[in-house]
Amino acid sequence: VAALQEEKNSLMSENEIMNDRLEQLDDSLDDPNTMVAKKYFHAQLQLEQLQEENFRLEAAKDDYRVHCEDLEKQLIELQHRNNELTSLAEESR
């Protein structure tokens, strides 16, 4: 029992030390002057910029897809018109 109580006390003290370290890390993220916080905020800013860029590129891709579909429709219409005119030209010859 004594050995288990000693192990329990040891684990409790280790747990307190870990909790203190965790609080220090949380505090360092809140302090904008620490290197960790600067890197974190820089990475967060980069992530936001990349998300905005991705959104912009997705919108542009959708616009190009619609434009491409319109051009394909025009191409089909022009091919039909060309076939009609070719048959009319052969007929008139």
Protein backbone atom coordinates (compact mmCIF):
# COMPACT_ATOMS: atom_id res chain seq x y z
CA VAL A 1 0.00 0.00 0.00
CA ALA A 2 2.83 2.36 0.87
CA ALA A 3 4.49 1.72 -2.49
CA LEU A 4 1.23 2.41 -4.33
CA GLN A 5 0.69 5.62 -2.36
CA GLU A 6 4.22 6.72 -3.19
CA GLU A 7 3.67 5.96 -6.87
CA LYS A 8 0.36 7.83 -6.74
CA ASN A 9 2.04 10.87 -5.18
CA SER A 10 4.78 10.71 -7.78
CA LEU A 11 2.26 10.57 -10.61
CA MET A 12 0.24 13.42 -9.11
CA SER A 13 3.32 15.63 -8.87
CA GLU A 14 4.30 14.74 -12.44
CA ASN A 15 0.75 15.59 -13.53
CA GLU A 16 1.01 18.99 -11.84
CA ILE A 17 4.32 19.67 -13.56
CA MET A 18 2.82 18.76 -16.94
CA ASN A 19 -0.22 20.97 -16.31
CA ASP A 20 2.09 23.87 -15.40
CA ARG A 21 4.05 23.37 -18.62
CA LEU A 22 0.81 23.26 -20.59
CA GLU A 23 -0.33 26.53 -19.03
CA GLN A 24 3.02 28.10 -19.88
CA LEU A 25 2.66 27.02 -23.50
CA ASP A 26 -0.88 28.41 -23.62
CA ASP A 27 0.35 31.68 -22.14
CA SER A 28 3.20 31.84 -24.67
CA LEU A 29 0.69 31.59 -27.51
CA ASP A 30 -1.30 34.46 -26.04
CA ASP A 31 1.79 36.66 -25.73
CA PRO A 32 2.40 38.09 -29.22
CA ASN A 33 6.07 38.76 -28.42
CA THR A 34 7.18 35.14 -28.11
CA MET A 35 8.74 33.37 -31.07
CA VAL A 36 6.24 30.50 -30.85
CA ALA A 37 3.31 32.92 -30.96
CA LYS A 38 4.83 34.81 -33.89
CA LYS A 39 5.30 31.60 -35.84
CA TYR A 40 1.80 30.44 -34.95
CA PHE A 41 0.17 33.70 -36.04
CA HIS A 42 2.29 33.79 -39.20
CA ALA A 43 1.23 30.24 -40.07
CA GLN A 44 -2.38 31.13 -39.33
CA LEU A 45 -2.15 34.19 -41.61
CA GLN A 46 -0.61 32.08 -44.37
CA LEU A 47 -3.39 29.52 -44.01
CA GLU A 48 -6.06 32.21 -44.34
CA GLN A 49 -4.34 33.67 -47.41
CA LEU A 50 -4.08 30.26 -49.03
CA GLN A 51 -7.74 29.55 -48.30
CA GLU A 52 -8.72 32.86 -49.93
CA GLU A 53 -6.49 32.09 -52.93
CA ASN A 54 -8.02 28.62 -53.20
CA PHE A 55 -11.53 30.10 -53.11
CA ARG A 56 -10.60 32.62 -55.81
CA LEU A 57 -9.10 29.90 -58.02
CA GLU A 58 -12.13 27.65 -57.55
CA ALA A 59 -14.40 30.52 -58.63
CA ALA A 60 -12.20 31.21 -61.67
CA LYS A 61 -12.24 27.50 -62.56
CA ASP A 62 -16.04 27.50 -62.45
CA ASP A 63 -16.15 30.61 -64.64
CA TYR A 64 -13.81 28.99 -67.18
CA ARG A 65 -15.87 25.80 -67.16
CA VAL A 66 -19.03 27.76 -68.03
CA HIS A 67 -17.16 29.72 -70.70
CA CYS A 68 -15.77 26.49 -72.17
CA GLU A 69 -19.26 24.95 -72.31
CA ASP A 70 -20.53 28.05 -74.13
CA LEU A 71 -17.68 27.82 -76.63
CA GLU A 72 -18.38 24.13 -77.20
CA LYS A 73 -22.04 24.95 -77.95
CA GLN A 74 -20.96 27.67 -80.37
CA LEU A 75 -18.56 25.25 -82.05
CA ILE A 76 -21.31 22.68 -82.57
CA GLU A 77 -23.64 25.34 -83.97
CA LEU A 78 -20.93 26.63 -86.32
CA GLN A 79 -20.14 23.10 -87.49
CA HIS A 80 -23.80 22.52 -88.30
CA ARG A 81 -23.98 25.86 -90.10
CA ASN A 82 -20.79 25.02 -92.02
CA ASN A 83 -22.27 21.66 -93.06
CA GLU A 84 -25.45 23.40 -94.23
CA LEU A 85 -23.51 25.97 -96.23
CA THR A 86 -21.28 23.28 -97.72
CA SER A 87 -24.28 21.28 -98.87
CA LEU A 88 -25.87 24.44 -100.31
CA ALA A 89 -22.64 25.26 -102.16
CA GLU A 90 -22.47 21.76 -103.62
CA GLU A 91 -26.12 21.99 -104.58
CA SER A 92 -25.63 25.32 -106.38
CA ARG A 93 -22.62 23.94 -108.27
